[in-house]
Amino acid sequence: MWDLAPSWVTIEAMFDQLNTEDRLRLIRFVCAFAWSDLEVRAAERDFVIRLVKAMEFGRDERQQVEGWLKHPPPPEEVDPMLIPIAHKKLFLTAAADLIRSDGEVDPREAEDLALLRELLGG
């Protein structure tokens, strides 16, 4: 099983391994996890914004992310099978960090993370 302890440094260090499409895919998944409990809390929003700043997204990408923070990404855009094999741990870690960012782990969030881990073979 993968260690999913909070790891901002690990996540940030791996950004350079992601192309723009994979960076957007990562943020899309993180935003979907923010919606797991049907509410994006301020701490979760701050976490996403921190990721976006660290990824140095342009205006268009930032606007996409703002949209995902207002309305969840469409389910077909957060298909775990779209996650590149080399980045599975990064996606899981980012999702785990997001759900812990507000100091509470809702049972729906924990269930979604467990399902993602299972689907990714972790």
PDB file of N, CA and C in Angstrom:
ATOM      1  N   MET A   1       0.850  -1.178   0.000  1.00  0.00           N
ATOM      2  CA  MET A   1       0.000   0.000   0.000  1.00  0.00           C
ATOM      3  C   MET A   1       0.895   1.240   0.000  1.00  0.00           C
ATOM      4  N   TRP A   2       0.461   2.270  -0.711  1.00  0.00           N
ATOM      5  CA  TRP A   2       1.234   3.500  -0.801  1.00  0.00           C
ATOM      6  C   TRP A   2       1.081   4.332   0.449  1.00  0.00           C
ATOM      7  N   ASP A   3       2.140   5.007   0.838  1.00  0.00           N
ATOM      8  CA  ASP A   3       2.087   5.942   1.953  1.00  0.00           C
ATOM      9  C   ASP A   3       1.439   7.226   1.447  1.00  0.00           C
ATOM     10  N   LEU A   4       0.326   7.609   2.050  1.00  0.00           N
ATOM     11  CA  LEU A   4      -0.386   8.800   1.600  1.00  0.00           C
ATOM     12  C   LEU A   4      -0.351   9.900   2.653  1.00  0.00           C
ATOM     13  N   ALA A   5       0.726   9.950   3.412  1.00  0.00           N
ATOM     14  CA  ALA A   5       0.879  11.024   4.393  1.00  0.00           C
ATOM     15  C   ALA A   5       0.952  12.352   3.660  1.00  0.00           C
ATOM     16  N   PRO A   6       0.511  13.447   4.298  1.00  0.00           N
ATOM     17  CA  PRO A   6       0.582  14.754   3.640  1.00  0.00           C
ATOM     18  C   PRO A   6       1.980  15.001   3.097  1.00  0.00           C
ATOM     19  N   SER A   7       2.042  15.455   1.881  1.00  0.00           N
ATOM     20  CA  SER A   7       3.346  15.502   1.230  1.00  0.00           C
ATOM     21  C   SER A   7       3.425  16.605   0.184  1.00  0.00           C
ATOM     22  N   TRP A   8       3.133  17.803   0.576  1.00  0.00           N
ATOM     23  CA  TRP A   8       3.162  18.918  -0.369  1.00  0.00           C
ATOM     24  C   TRP A   8       4.487  18.964  -1.122  1.00  0.00           C
ATOM     25  N   VAL A   9       5.580  18.753  -0.438  1.00  0.00           N
ATOM     26  CA  VAL A   9       6.891  18.808  -1.072  1.00  0.00           C
ATOM     27  C   VAL A   9       6.999  17.745  -2.165  1.00  0.00           C
ATOM     28  N   THR A  10       6.507  16.551  -1.898  1.00  0.00           N
ATOM     29  CA  THR A  10       6.534  15.479  -2.887  1.00  0.00           C
ATOM     30  C   THR A  10       5.701  15.853  -4.100  1.00  0.00           C
ATOM     31  N   ILE A  11       4.510  16.373  -3.868  1.00  0.00           N
ATOM     32  CA  ILE A  11       3.638  16.759  -4.976  1.00  0.00           C
ATOM     33  C   ILE A  11       4.302  17.837  -5.814  1.00  0.00           C
ATOM     34  N   GLU A  12       4.763  18.879  -5.164  1.00  0.00           N
ATOM     35  CA  GLU A  12       5.355  20.003  -5.895  1.00  0.00           C
ATOM     36  C   GLU A  12       6.599  19.573  -6.671  1.00  0.00           C
ATOM     37  N   ALA A  13       7.375  18.679  -6.112  1.00  0.00           N
ATOM     38  CA  ALA A  13       8.596  18.216  -6.772  1.00  0.00           C
ATOM     39  C   ALA A  13       8.289  17.412  -8.032  1.00  0.00           C
ATOM     40  N   MET A  14       7.096  16.840  -8.107  1.00  0.00           N
ATOM     41  CA  MET A  14       6.735  16.010  -9.256  1.00  0.00           C
ATOM     42  C   MET A  14       6.050  16.792 -10.371  1.00  0.00           C
ATOM     43  N   PHE A  15       5.730  18.066 -10.151  1.00  0.00           N
ATOM     44  CA  PHE A  15       5.037  18.842 -11.178  1.00  0.00           C
ATOM     45  C   PHE A  15       5.794  18.873 -12.490  1.00  0.00           C
ATOM     46  N   ASP A  16       7.124  18.943 -12.415  1.00  0.00           N
ATOM     47  CA  ASP A  16       7.900  19.052 -13.650  1.00  0.00           C
ATOM     48  C   ASP A  16       7.828  17.777 -14.494  1.00  0.00           C
ATOM     49  N   GLN A  17       7.338  16.691 -13.912  1.00  0.00           N
ATOM     50  CA  GLN A  17       7.173  15.445 -14.654  1.00  0.00           C
ATOM     51  C   GLN A  17       5.852  15.411 -15.426  1.00  0.00           C
ATOM     52  N   LEU A  18       4.985  16.377 -15.153  1.00  0.00           N
ATOM     53  CA  LEU A  18       3.665  16.403 -15.777  1.00  0.00           C
ATOM     54  C   LEU A  18       3.624  17.416 -16.912  1.00  0.00           C
ATOM     55  N   ASN A  19       3.052  17.013 -18.039  1.00  0.00           N
ATOM     56  CA  ASN A  19       2.818  17.982 -19.096  1.00  0.00           C
ATOM     57  C   ASN A  19       1.556  18.776 -18.741  1.00  0.00           C
ATOM     58  N   THR A  20       1.224  19.761 -19.520  1.00  0.00           N
ATOM     59  CA  THR A  20       0.076  20.627 -19.212  1.00  0.00           C
ATOM     60  C   THR A  20      -1.211  19.826 -19.108  1.00  0.00           C
ATOM     61  N   GLU A  21      -1.412  18.884 -20.006  1.00  0.00           N
ATOM     62  CA  GLU A  21      -2.624  18.063 -19.981  1.00  0.00           C
ATOM     63  C   GLU A  21      -2.724  17.261 -18.680  1.00  0.00           C
ATOM     64  N   ASP A  22      -1.608  16.667 -18.248  1.00  0.00           N
ATOM     65  CA  ASP A  22      -1.612  15.891 -17.006  1.00  0.00           C
ATOM     66  C   ASP A  22      -1.768  16.784 -15.784  1.00  0.00           C
ATOM     67  N   ARG A  23      -1.227  17.983 -15.841  1.00  0.00           N
ATOM     68  CA  ARG A  23      -1.415  18.927 -14.729  1.00  0.00           C
ATOM     69  C   ARG A  23      -2.892  19.287 -14.594  1.00  0.00           C
ATOM     70  N   LEU A  24      -3.538  19.556 -15.719  1.00  0.00           N
ATOM     71  CA  LEU A  24      -4.975  19.853 -15.684  1.00  0.00           C
ATOM     72  C   LEU A  24      -5.769  18.640 -15.207  1.00  0.00           C
ATOM     73  N   ARG A  25      -5.354  17.463 -15.649  1.00  0.00           N
ATOM     74  CA  ARG A  25      -6.030  16.233 -15.213  1.00  0.00           C
ATOM     75  C   ARG A  25      -5.902  16.076 -13.691  1.00  0.00           C
ATOM     76  N   LEU A  26      -4.717  16.338 -13.158  1.00  0.00           N
ATOM     77  CA  LEU A  26      -4.504  16.254 -11.711  1.00  0.00           C
ATOM     78  C   LEU A  26      -5.418  17.231 -10.972  1.00  0.00           C
ATOM     79  N   ILE A  27      -5.456  18.472 -11.424  1.00  0.00           N
ATOM     80  CA  ILE A  27      -6.300  19.469 -10.768  1.00  0.00           C
ATOM     81  C   ILE A  27      -7.774  19.092 -10.892  1.00  0.00           C
ATOM     82  N   ARG A  28      -8.163  18.549 -12.029  1.00  0.00           N
ATOM     83  CA  ARG A  28      -9.549  18.114 -12.228  1.00  0.00           C
ATOM     84  C   ARG A  28      -9.913  17.050 -11.195  1.00  0.00           C
ATOM     85  N   PHE A  29      -9.006  16.087 -10.971  1.00  0.00           N
ATOM     86  CA  PHE A  29      -9.255  15.048  -9.961  1.00  0.00           C
ATOM     87  C   PHE A  29      -9.318  15.647  -8.565  1.00  0.00           C
ATOM     88  N   VAL A  30      -8.415  16.555  -8.273  1.00  0.00           N
ATOM     89  CA  VAL A  30      -8.407  17.180  -6.950  1.00  0.00           C
ATOM     90  C   VAL A  30      -9.721  17.945  -6.738  1.00  0.00           C
ATOM     91  N   CYS A  31     -10.162  18.668  -7.750  1.00  0.00           N
ATOM     92  CA  CYS A  31     -11.431  19.392  -7.631  1.00  0.00           C
ATOM     93  C   CYS A  31     -12.603  18.429  -7.443  1.00  0.00           C
ATOM     94  N   ALA A  32     -12.574  17.314  -8.145  1.00  0.00           N
ATOM     95  CA  ALA A  32     -13.637  16.316  -7.971  1.00  0.00           C
ATOM     96  C   ALA A  32     -13.663  15.816  -6.531  1.00  0.00           C
ATOM     97  N   PHE A  33     -12.489  15.608  -5.944  1.00  0.00           N
ATOM     98  CA  PHE A  33     -12.446  15.182  -4.544  1.00  0.00           C
ATOM     99  C   PHE A  33     -12.944  16.278  -3.615  1.00  0.00           C
ATOM    100  N   ALA A  34     -12.703  17.516  -3.965  1.00  0.00           N
ATOM    101  CA  ALA A  34     -13.217  18.619  -3.151  1.00  0.00           C
ATOM    102  C   ALA A  34     -14.742  18.593  -3.116  1.00  0.00           C
ATOM    103  N   TRP A  35     -15.360  18.085  -4.167  1.00  0.00           N
ATOM    104  CA  TRP A  35     -16.821  18.002  -4.250  1.00  0.00           C
ATOM    105  C   TRP A  35     -17.384  16.713  -3.652  1.00  0.00           C
ATOM    106  N   SER A  36     -16.541  15.796  -3.174  1.00  0.00           N
ATOM    107  CA  SER A  36     -17.012  14.498  -2.671  1.00  0.00           C
ATOM    108  C   SER A  36     -18.079  14.631  -1.606  1.00  0.00           C
ATOM    109  N   ASP A  37     -17.935  15.630  -0.744  1.00  0.00           N
ATOM    110  CA  ASP A  37     -18.921  15.824   0.324  1.00  0.00           C
ATOM    111  C   ASP A  37     -19.941  16.898  -0.052  1.00  0.00           C
ATOM    112  N   LEU A  38     -20.006  17.205  -1.361  1.00  0.00           N
ATOM    113  CA  LEU A  38     -20.979  18.135  -1.936  1.00  0.00           C
ATOM    114  C   LEU A  38     -20.750  19.588  -1.549  1.00  0.00           C
ATOM    115  N   GLU A  39     -19.562  19.891  -1.041  1.00  0.00           N
ATOM    116  CA  GLU A  39     -19.236  21.258  -0.641  1.00  0.00           C
ATOM    117  C   GLU A  39     -17.725  21.466  -0.762  1.00  0.00           C
ATOM    118  N   VAL A  40     -17.345  22.558  -1.397  1.00  0.00           N
ATOM    119  CA  VAL A  40     -15.928  22.910  -1.460  1.00  0.00           C
ATOM    120  C   VAL A  40     -15.685  23.913  -0.336  1.00  0.00           C
ATOM    121  N   ARG A  41     -14.958  23.476   0.661  1.00  0.00           N
ATOM    122  CA  ARG A  41     -14.667  24.338   1.819  1.00  0.00           C
ATOM    123  C   ARG A  41     -13.519  25.278   1.504  1.00  0.00           C
ATOM    124  N   ALA A  42     -13.412  26.321   2.285  1.00  0.00           N
ATOM    125  CA  ALA A  42     -12.381  27.341   2.060  1.00  0.00           C
ATOM    126  C   ALA A  42     -10.979  26.732   2.050  1.00  0.00           C
ATOM    127  N   ALA A  43     -10.698  25.835   2.981  1.00  0.00           N
ATOM    128  CA  ALA A  43      -9.364  25.215   3.041  1.00  0.00           C
ATOM    129  C   ALA A  43      -9.098  24.370   1.797  1.00  0.00           C
ATOM    130  N   GLU A  44     -10.120  23.702   1.297  1.00  0.00           N
ATOM    131  CA  GLU A  44      -9.956  22.899   0.083  1.00  0.00           C
ATOM    132  C   GLU A  44      -9.711  23.817  -1.120  1.00  0.00           C
ATOM    133  N   ARG A  45     -10.468  24.892  -1.181  1.00  0.00           N
ATOM    134  CA  ARG A  45     -10.281  25.876  -2.256  1.00  0.00           C
ATOM    135  C   ARG A  45      -8.858  26.444  -2.200  1.00  0.00           C
ATOM    136  N   ASP A  46      -8.409  26.778  -1.002  1.00  0.00           N
ATOM    137  CA  ASP A  46      -7.052  27.306  -0.830  1.00  0.00           C
ATOM    138  C   ASP A  46      -6.005  26.285  -1.288  1.00  0.00           C
ATOM    139  N   PHE A  47      -6.236  25.020  -0.979  1.00  0.00           N
ATOM    140  CA  PHE A  47      -5.318  23.957  -1.395  1.00  0.00           C
ATOM    141  C   PHE A  47      -5.231  23.911  -2.917  1.00  0.00           C
ATOM    142  N   VAL A  48      -6.385  23.946  -3.580  1.00  0.00           N
ATOM    143  CA  VAL A  48      -6.414  23.906  -5.049  1.00  0.00           C
ATOM    144  C   VAL A  48      -5.704  25.128  -5.618  1.00  0.00           C
ATOM    145  N   ILE A  49      -5.975  26.283  -5.074  1.00  0.00           N
ATOM    146  CA  ILE A  49      -5.344  27.511  -5.567  1.00  0.00           C
ATOM    147  C   ILE A  49      -3.827  27.443  -5.386  1.00  0.00           C
ATOM    148  N   ARG A  50      -3.398  26.868  -4.279  1.00  0.00           N
ATOM    149  CA  ARG A  50      -1.959  26.703  -4.042  1.00  0.00           C
ATOM    150  C   ARG A  50      -1.341  25.801  -5.108  1.00  0.00           C
ATOM    151  N   LEU A  51      -2.033  24.711  -5.448  1.00  0.00           N
ATOM    152  CA  LEU A  51      -1.549  23.827  -6.504  1.00  0.00           C
ATOM    153  C   LEU A  51      -1.471  24.567  -7.836  1.00  0.00           C
ATOM    154  N   VAL A  52      -2.513  25.312  -8.142  1.00  0.00           N
ATOM    155  CA  VAL A  52      -2.565  26.047  -9.410  1.00  0.00           C
ATOM    156  C   VAL A  52      -1.409  27.046  -9.498  1.00  0.00           C
ATOM    157  N   LYS A  53      -1.147  27.757  -8.419  1.00  0.00           N
ATOM    158  CA  LYS A  53      -0.036  28.711  -8.416  1.00  0.00           C
ATOM    159  C   LYS A  53       1.301  27.996  -8.591  1.00  0.00           C
ATOM    160  N   ALA A  54       1.464  26.879  -7.909  1.00  0.00           N
ATOM    161  CA  ALA A  54       2.722  26.132  -8.012  1.00  0.00           C
ATOM    162  C   ALA A  54       2.927  25.578  -9.421  1.00  0.00           C
ATOM    163  N   MET A  55       1.830  25.271 -10.102  1.00  0.00           N
ATOM    164  CA  MET A  55       1.922  24.735 -11.465  1.00  0.00           C
ATOM    165  C   MET A  55       2.087  25.845 -12.505  1.00  0.00           C
ATOM    166  N   GLU A  56       1.976  27.074 -12.062  1.00  0.00           N
ATOM    167  CA  GLU A  56       2.165  28.235 -12.931  1.00  0.00           C
ATOM    168  C   GLU A  56       1.269  28.176 -14.166  1.00  0.00           C
ATOM    169  N   PHE A  57      -0.006  27.884 -13.931  1.00  0.00           N
ATOM    170  CA  PHE A  57      -0.985  27.858 -15.011  1.00  0.00           C
ATOM    171  C   PHE A  57      -1.195  29.248 -15.588  1.00  0.00           C
ATOM    172  N   GLY A  58      -1.567  29.261 -16.851  1.00  0.00           N
ATOM    173  CA  GLY A  58      -1.935  30.503 -17.510  1.00  0.00           C
ATOM    174  C   GLY A  58      -3.378  30.875 -17.189  1.00  0.00           C
ATOM    175  N   ARG A  59      -3.796  31.988 -17.739  1.00  0.00           N
ATOM    176  CA  ARG A  59      -5.133  32.513 -17.461  1.00  0.00           C
ATOM    177  C   ARG A  59      -6.241  31.520 -17.839  1.00  0.00           C
ATOM    178  N   ASP A  60      -6.135  30.907 -19.012  1.00  0.00           N
ATOM    179  CA  ASP A  60      -7.173  29.975 -19.457  1.00  0.00           C
ATOM    180  C   ASP A  60      -7.310  28.784 -18.517  1.00  0.00           C
ATOM    181  N   GLU A  61      -6.191  28.227 -18.110  1.00  0.00           N
ATOM    182  CA  GLU A  61      -6.225  27.083 -17.199  1.00  0.00           C
ATOM    183  C   GLU A  61      -6.796  27.489 -15.840  1.00  0.00           C
ATOM    184  N   ARG A  62      -6.386  28.671 -15.339  1.00  0.00           N
ATOM    185  CA  ARG A  62      -6.916  29.146 -14.050  1.00  0.00           C
ATOM    186  C   ARG A  62      -8.430  29.319 -14.121  1.00  0.00           C
ATOM    187  N   GLN A  63      -8.937  29.786 -15.240  1.00  0.00           N
ATOM    188  CA  GLN A  63     -10.383  29.951 -15.399  1.00  0.00           C
ATOM    189  C   GLN A  63     -11.089  28.597 -15.395  1.00  0.00           C
ATOM    190  N   GLN A  64     -10.477  27.597 -16.029  1.00  0.00           N
ATOM    191  CA  GLN A  64     -11.047  26.249 -15.988  1.00  0.00           C
ATOM    192  C   GLN A  64     -11.152  25.759 -14.552  1.00  0.00           C
ATOM    193  N   VAL A  65     -10.088  25.953 -13.801  1.00  0.00           N
ATOM    194  CA  VAL A  65     -10.069  25.491 -12.413  1.00  0.00           C
ATOM    195  C   VAL A  65     -11.123  26.238 -11.592  1.00  0.00           C
ATOM    196  N   GLU A  66     -11.247  27.526 -11.792  1.00  0.00           N
ATOM    197  CA  GLU A  66     -12.293  28.295 -11.095  1.00  0.00           C
ATOM    198  C   GLU A  66     -13.666  27.696 -11.374  1.00  0.00           C
ATOM    199  N   GLY A  67     -13.878  27.293 -12.615  1.00  0.00           N
ATOM    200  CA  GLY A  67     -15.149  26.647 -12.965  1.00  0.00           C
ATOM    201  C   GLY A  67     -15.358  25.355 -12.207  1.00  0.00           C
ATOM    202  N   TRP A  68     -14.288  24.547 -12.062  1.00  0.00           N
ATOM    203  CA  TRP A  68     -14.394  23.280 -11.334  1.00  0.00           C
ATOM    204  C   TRP A  68     -14.604  23.497  -9.846  1.00  0.00           C
ATOM    205  N   LEU A  69     -14.193  24.637  -9.336  1.00  0.00           N
ATOM    206  CA  LEU A  69     -14.437  24.936  -7.922  1.00  0.00           C
ATOM    207  C   LEU A  69     -15.871  25.424  -7.698  1.00  0.00           C
ATOM    208  N   LYS A  70     -16.510  25.900  -8.762  1.00  0.00           N
ATOM    209  CA  LYS A  70     -17.911  26.340  -8.667  1.00  0.00           C
ATOM    210  C   LYS A  70     -18.879  25.200  -8.953  1.00  0.00           C
ATOM    211  N   HIS A  71     -18.460  24.294  -9.856  1.00  0.00           N
ATOM    212  CA  HIS A  71     -19.276  23.139 -10.251  1.00  0.00           C
ATOM    213  C   HIS A  71     -18.319  21.971 -10.464  1.00  0.00           C
ATOM    214  N   PRO A  72     -18.682  20.795  -9.982  1.00  0.00           N
ATOM    215  CA  PRO A  72     -17.756  19.653 -10.128  1.00  0.00           C
ATOM    216  C   PRO A  72     -17.469  19.340 -11.594  1.00  0.00           C
ATOM    217  N   PRO A  73     -16.267  18.851 -11.854  1.00  0.00           N
ATOM    218  CA  PRO A  73     -15.940  18.426 -13.221  1.00  0.00           C
ATOM    219  C   PRO A  73     -16.872  17.288 -13.632  1.00  0.00           C
ATOM    220  N   PRO A  74     -17.183  17.195 -14.927  1.00  0.00           N
ATOM    221  CA  PRO A  74     -18.031  16.088 -15.391  1.00  0.00           C
ATOM    222  C   PRO A  74     -17.378  14.735 -15.076  1.00  0.00           C
ATOM    223  N   PRO A  75     -18.179  13.755 -14.670  1.00  0.00           N
ATOM    224  CA  PRO A  75     -17.628  12.440 -14.295  1.00  0.00           C
ATOM    225  C   PRO A  75     -16.745  11.811 -15.360  1.00  0.00           C
ATOM    226  N   GLU A  76     -17.104  11.979 -16.624  1.00  0.00           N
ATOM    227  CA  GLU A  76     -16.309  11.360 -17.687  1.00  0.00           C
ATOM    228  C   GLU A  76     -14.917  11.975 -17.799  1.00  0.00           C
ATOM    229  N   GLU A  77     -14.722  13.148 -17.189  1.00  0.00           N
ATOM    230  CA  GLU A  77     -13.409  13.790 -17.219  1.00  0.00           C
ATOM    231  C   GLU A  77     -12.531  13.416 -16.025  1.00  0.00           C
ATOM    232  N   VAL A  78     -13.072  12.642 -15.108  1.00  0.00           N
ATOM    233  CA  VAL A  78     -12.289  12.186 -13.955  1.00  0.00           C
ATOM    234  C   VAL A  78     -12.268  10.657 -13.884  1.00  0.00           C
ATOM    235  N   ASP A  79     -12.144  10.060 -15.042  1.00  0.00           N
ATOM    236  CA  ASP A  79     -12.048   8.609 -15.150  1.00  0.00           C
ATOM    237  C   ASP A  79     -10.654   8.184 -14.687  1.00  0.00           C
ATOM    238  N   PRO A  80     -10.572   7.366 -13.630  1.00  0.00           N
ATOM    239  CA  PRO A  80      -9.262   6.934 -13.133  1.00  0.00           C
ATOM    240  C   PRO A  80      -8.404   6.230 -14.178  1.00  0.00           C
ATOM    241  N   MET A  81      -9.037   5.675 -15.206  1.00  0.00           N
ATOM    242  CA  MET A  81      -8.268   4.997 -16.240  1.00  0.00           C
ATOM    243  C   MET A  81      -7.498   5.990 -17.114  1.00  0.00           C
ATOM    244  N   LEU A  82      -7.796   7.281 -16.982  1.00  0.00           N
ATOM    245  CA  LEU A  82      -7.077   8.313 -17.728  1.00  0.00           C
ATOM    246  C   LEU A  82      -5.797   8.755 -17.018  1.00  0.00           C
ATOM    247  N   ILE A  83      -5.616   8.308 -15.786  1.00  0.00           N
ATOM    248  CA  ILE A  83      -4.426   8.691 -15.027  1.00  0.00           C
ATOM    249  C   ILE A  83      -3.226   7.912 -15.563  1.00  0.00           C
ATOM    250  N   PRO A  84      -2.195   8.632 -15.994  1.00  0.00           N
ATOM    251  CA  PRO A  84      -0.999   7.931 -16.484  1.00  0.00           C
ATOM    252  C   PRO A  84      -0.419   7.027 -15.389  1.00  0.00           C
ATOM    253  N   ILE A  85      -0.037   5.835 -15.767  1.00  0.00           N
ATOM    254  CA  ILE A  85       0.490   4.852 -14.822  1.00  0.00           C
ATOM    255  C   ILE A  85       1.617   5.436 -13.972  1.00  0.00           C
ATOM    256  N   ALA A  86       2.488   6.197 -14.583  1.00  0.00           N
ATOM    257  CA  ALA A  86       3.637   6.761 -13.867  1.00  0.00           C
ATOM    258  C   ALA A  86       3.239   7.781 -12.811  1.00  0.00           C
ATOM    259  N   HIS A  87       2.002   8.251 -12.858  1.00  0.00           N
ATOM    260  CA  HIS A  87       1.586   9.326 -11.945  1.00  0.00           C
ATOM    261  C   HIS A  87       0.490   8.907 -10.960  1.00  0.00           C
ATOM    262  N   LYS A  88       0.223   7.621 -10.861  1.00  0.00           N
ATOM    263  CA  LYS A  88      -0.834   7.153  -9.962  1.00  0.00           C
ATOM    264  C   LYS A  88      -0.614   7.605  -8.521  1.00  0.00           C
ATOM    265  N   LYS A  89       0.603   7.432  -8.028  1.00  0.00           N
ATOM    266  CA  LYS A  89       0.885   7.797  -6.630  1.00  0.00           C
ATOM    267  C   LYS A  89       0.693   9.299  -6.424  1.00  0.00           C
ATOM    268  N   LEU A  90       1.129  10.097  -7.367  1.00  0.00           N
ATOM    269  CA  LEU A  90       0.968  11.542  -7.264  1.00  0.00           C
ATOM    270  C   LEU A  90      -0.511  11.920  -7.184  1.00  0.00           C
ATOM    271  N   PHE A  91      -1.343  11.338  -8.029  1.00  0.00           N
ATOM    272  CA  PHE A  91      -2.769  11.642  -8.027  1.00  0.00           C
ATOM    273  C   PHE A  91      -3.411  11.227  -6.701  1.00  0.00           C
ATOM    274  N   LEU A  92      -3.049  10.051  -6.212  1.00  0.00           N
ATOM    275  CA  LEU A  92      -3.584   9.590  -4.923  1.00  0.00           C
ATOM    276  C   LEU A  92      -3.141  10.497  -3.782  1.00  0.00           C
ATOM    277  N   THR A  93      -1.888  10.874  -3.786  1.00  0.00           N
ATOM    278  CA  THR A  93      -1.359  11.733  -2.726  1.00  0.00           C
ATOM    279  C   THR A  93      -2.035  13.099  -2.751  1.00  0.00           C
ATOM    280  N   ALA A  94      -2.197  13.658  -3.937  1.00  0.00           N
ATOM    281  CA  ALA A  94      -2.851  14.971  -4.050  1.00  0.00           C
ATOM    282  C   ALA A  94      -4.297  14.891  -3.578  1.00  0.00           C
ATOM    283  N   ALA A  95      -5.002  13.826  -3.941  1.00  0.00           N
ATOM    284  CA  ALA A  95      -6.394  13.661  -3.494  1.00  0.00           C
ATOM    285  C   ALA A  95      -6.448  13.509  -1.974  1.00  0.00           C
ATOM    286  N   ALA A  96      -5.543  12.719  -1.416  1.00  0.00           N
ATOM    287  CA  ALA A  96      -5.512  12.526   0.038  1.00  0.00           C
ATOM    288  C   ALA A  96      -5.199  13.833   0.752  1.00  0.00           C
ATOM    289  N   ASP A  97      -4.251  14.590   0.241  1.00  0.00           N
ATOM    290  CA  ASP A  97      -3.908  15.878   0.853  1.00  0.00           C
ATOM    291  C   ASP A  97      -5.085  16.836   0.792  1.00  0.00           C
ATOM    292  N   LEU A  98      -5.800  16.822  -0.331  1.00  0.00           N
ATOM    293  CA  LEU A  98      -6.963  17.702  -0.469  1.00  0.00           C
ATOM    294  C   LEU A  98      -8.019  17.369   0.569  1.00  0.00           C
ATOM    295  N   ILE A  99      -8.357  16.092   0.717  1.00  0.00           N
ATOM    296  CA  ILE A  99      -9.446  15.763   1.640  1.00  0.00           C
ATOM    297  C   ILE A  99      -9.060  16.015   3.093  1.00  0.00           C
ATOM    298  N   ARG A 100      -7.775  16.056   3.388  1.00  0.00           N
ATOM    299  CA  ARG A 100      -7.334  16.372   4.756  1.00  0.00           C
ATOM    300  C   ARG A 100      -7.120  17.867   4.963  1.00  0.00           C
ATOM    301  N   SER A 101      -7.161  18.643   3.902  1.00  0.00           N
ATOM    302  CA  SER A 101      -6.792  20.058   3.989  1.00  0.00           C
ATOM    303  C   SER A 101      -7.715  20.883   4.877  1.00  0.00           C
ATOM    304  N   ASP A 102      -8.963  20.443   5.048  1.00  0.00           N
ATOM    305  CA  ASP A 102      -9.883  21.216   5.880  1.00  0.00           C
ATOM    306  C   ASP A 102      -9.955  20.694   7.314  1.00  0.00           C
ATOM    307  N   GLY A 103      -9.118  19.718   7.633  1.00  0.00           N
ATOM    308  CA  GLY A 103      -9.070  19.203   8.994  1.00  0.00           C
ATOM    309  C   GLY A 103     -10.138  18.162   9.294  1.00  0.00           C
ATOM    310  N   GLU A 104     -10.992  17.869   8.320  1.00  0.00           N
ATOM    311  CA  GLU A 104     -12.040  16.865   8.497  1.00  0.00           C
ATOM    312  C   GLU A 104     -12.047  15.954   7.284  1.00  0.00           C
ATOM    313  N   VAL A 105     -12.218  14.673   7.525  1.00  0.00           N
ATOM    314  CA  VAL A 105     -12.349  13.739   6.416  1.00  0.00           C
ATOM    315  C   VAL A 105     -13.761  13.186   6.466  1.00  0.00           C
ATOM    316  N   ASP A 106     -14.575  13.668   5.545  1.00  0.00           N
ATOM    317  CA  ASP A 106     -15.953  13.208   5.431  1.00  0.00           C
ATOM    318  C   ASP A 106     -15.938  11.746   4.987  1.00  0.00           C
ATOM    319  N   PRO A 107     -16.877  10.928   5.474  1.00  0.00           N
ATOM    320  CA  PRO A 107     -16.911   9.518   5.061  1.00  0.00           C
ATOM    321  C   PRO A 107     -16.995   9.338   3.547  1.00  0.00           C
ATOM    322  N   ARG A 108     -17.685  10.240   2.859  1.00  0.00           N
ATOM    323  CA  ARG A 108     -17.773  10.139   1.394  1.00  0.00           C
ATOM    324  C   ARG A 108     -16.407  10.382   0.752  1.00  0.00           C
ATOM    325  N   GLU A 109     -15.658  11.311   1.318  1.00  0.00           N
ATOM    326  CA  GLU A 109     -14.312  11.578   0.806  1.00  0.00           C
ATOM    327  C   GLU A 109     -13.417  10.354   0.999  1.00  0.00           C
ATOM    328  N   ALA A 110     -13.479   9.779   2.194  1.00  0.00           N
ATOM    329  CA  ALA A 110     -12.670   8.594   2.490  1.00  0.00           C
ATOM    330  C   ALA A 110     -13.049   7.434   1.574  1.00  0.00           C
ATOM    331  N   GLU A 111     -14.336   7.278   1.333  1.00  0.00           N
ATOM    332  CA  GLU A 111     -14.811   6.212   0.452  1.00  0.00           C
ATOM    333  C   GLU A 111     -14.326   6.436  -0.987  1.00  0.00           C
ATOM    334  N   ASP A 112     -14.410   7.684  -1.456  1.00  0.00           N
ATOM    335  CA  ASP A 112     -13.936   7.986  -2.815  1.00  0.00           C
ATOM    336  C   ASP A 112     -12.439   7.743  -2.947  1.00  0.00           C
ATOM    337  N   LEU A 113     -11.672   8.111  -1.921  1.00  0.00           N
ATOM    338  CA  LEU A 113     -10.228   7.886  -1.960  1.00  0.00           C
ATOM    339  C   LEU A 113      -9.914   6.390  -1.965  1.00  0.00           C
ATOM    340  N   ALA A 114     -10.625   5.627  -1.153  1.00  0.00           N
ATOM    341  CA  ALA A 114     -10.410   4.172  -1.121  1.00  0.00           C
ATOM    342  C   ALA A 114     -10.745   3.551  -2.472  1.00  0.00           C
ATOM    343  N   LEU A 115     -11.805   4.020  -3.104  1.00  0.00           N
ATOM    344  CA  LEU A 115     -12.178   3.514  -4.422  1.00  0.00           C
ATOM    345  C   LEU A 115     -11.114   3.863  -5.462  1.00  0.00           C
ATOM    346  N   LEU A 116     -10.623   5.113  -5.433  1.00  0.00           N
ATOM    347  CA  LEU A 116      -9.571   5.498  -6.366  1.00  0.00           C
ATOM    348  C   LEU A 116      -8.339   4.633  -6.152  1.00  0.00           C
ATOM    349  N   ARG A 117      -7.956   4.439  -4.909  1.00  0.00           N
ATOM    350  CA  ARG A 117      -6.781   3.610  -4.596  1.00  0.00           C
ATOM    351  C   ARG A 117      -6.965   2.196  -5.157  1.00  0.00           C
ATOM    352  N   GLU A 118      -8.157   1.650  -4.970  1.00  0.00           N
ATOM    353  CA  GLU A 118      -8.439   0.298  -5.466  1.00  0.00           C
ATOM    354  C   GLU A 118      -8.377   0.258  -6.999  1.00  0.00           C
ATOM    355  N   LEU A 119      -8.993   1.238  -7.639  1.00  0.00           N
ATOM    356  CA  LEU A 119      -9.003   1.278  -9.112  1.00  0.00           C
ATOM    357  C   LEU A 119      -7.601   1.434  -9.693  1.00  0.00           C
ATOM    358  N   LEU A 120      -6.734   2.116  -8.951  1.00  0.00           N
ATOM    359  CA  LEU A 120      -5.368   2.333  -9.439  1.00  0.00           C
ATOM    360  C   LEU A 120      -4.407   1.213  -9.018  1.00  0.00           C
ATOM    361  N   GLY A 121      -4.932   0.244  -8.307  1.00  0.00           N
ATOM    362  CA  GLY A 121      -4.104  -0.903  -7.931  1.00  0.00           C
ATOM    363  C   GLY A 121      -3.214  -0.640  -6.752  1.00  0.00           C
ATOM    364  N   GLY A 122      -3.591   0.309  -5.899  1.00  0.00           N
ATOM    365  CA  GLY A 122      -2.760   0.662  -4.753  1.00  0.00           C
ATOM    366  C   GLY A 122      -3.241  -0.007  -3.556  1.00  0.00           C
TER     367      GLY A 122
END
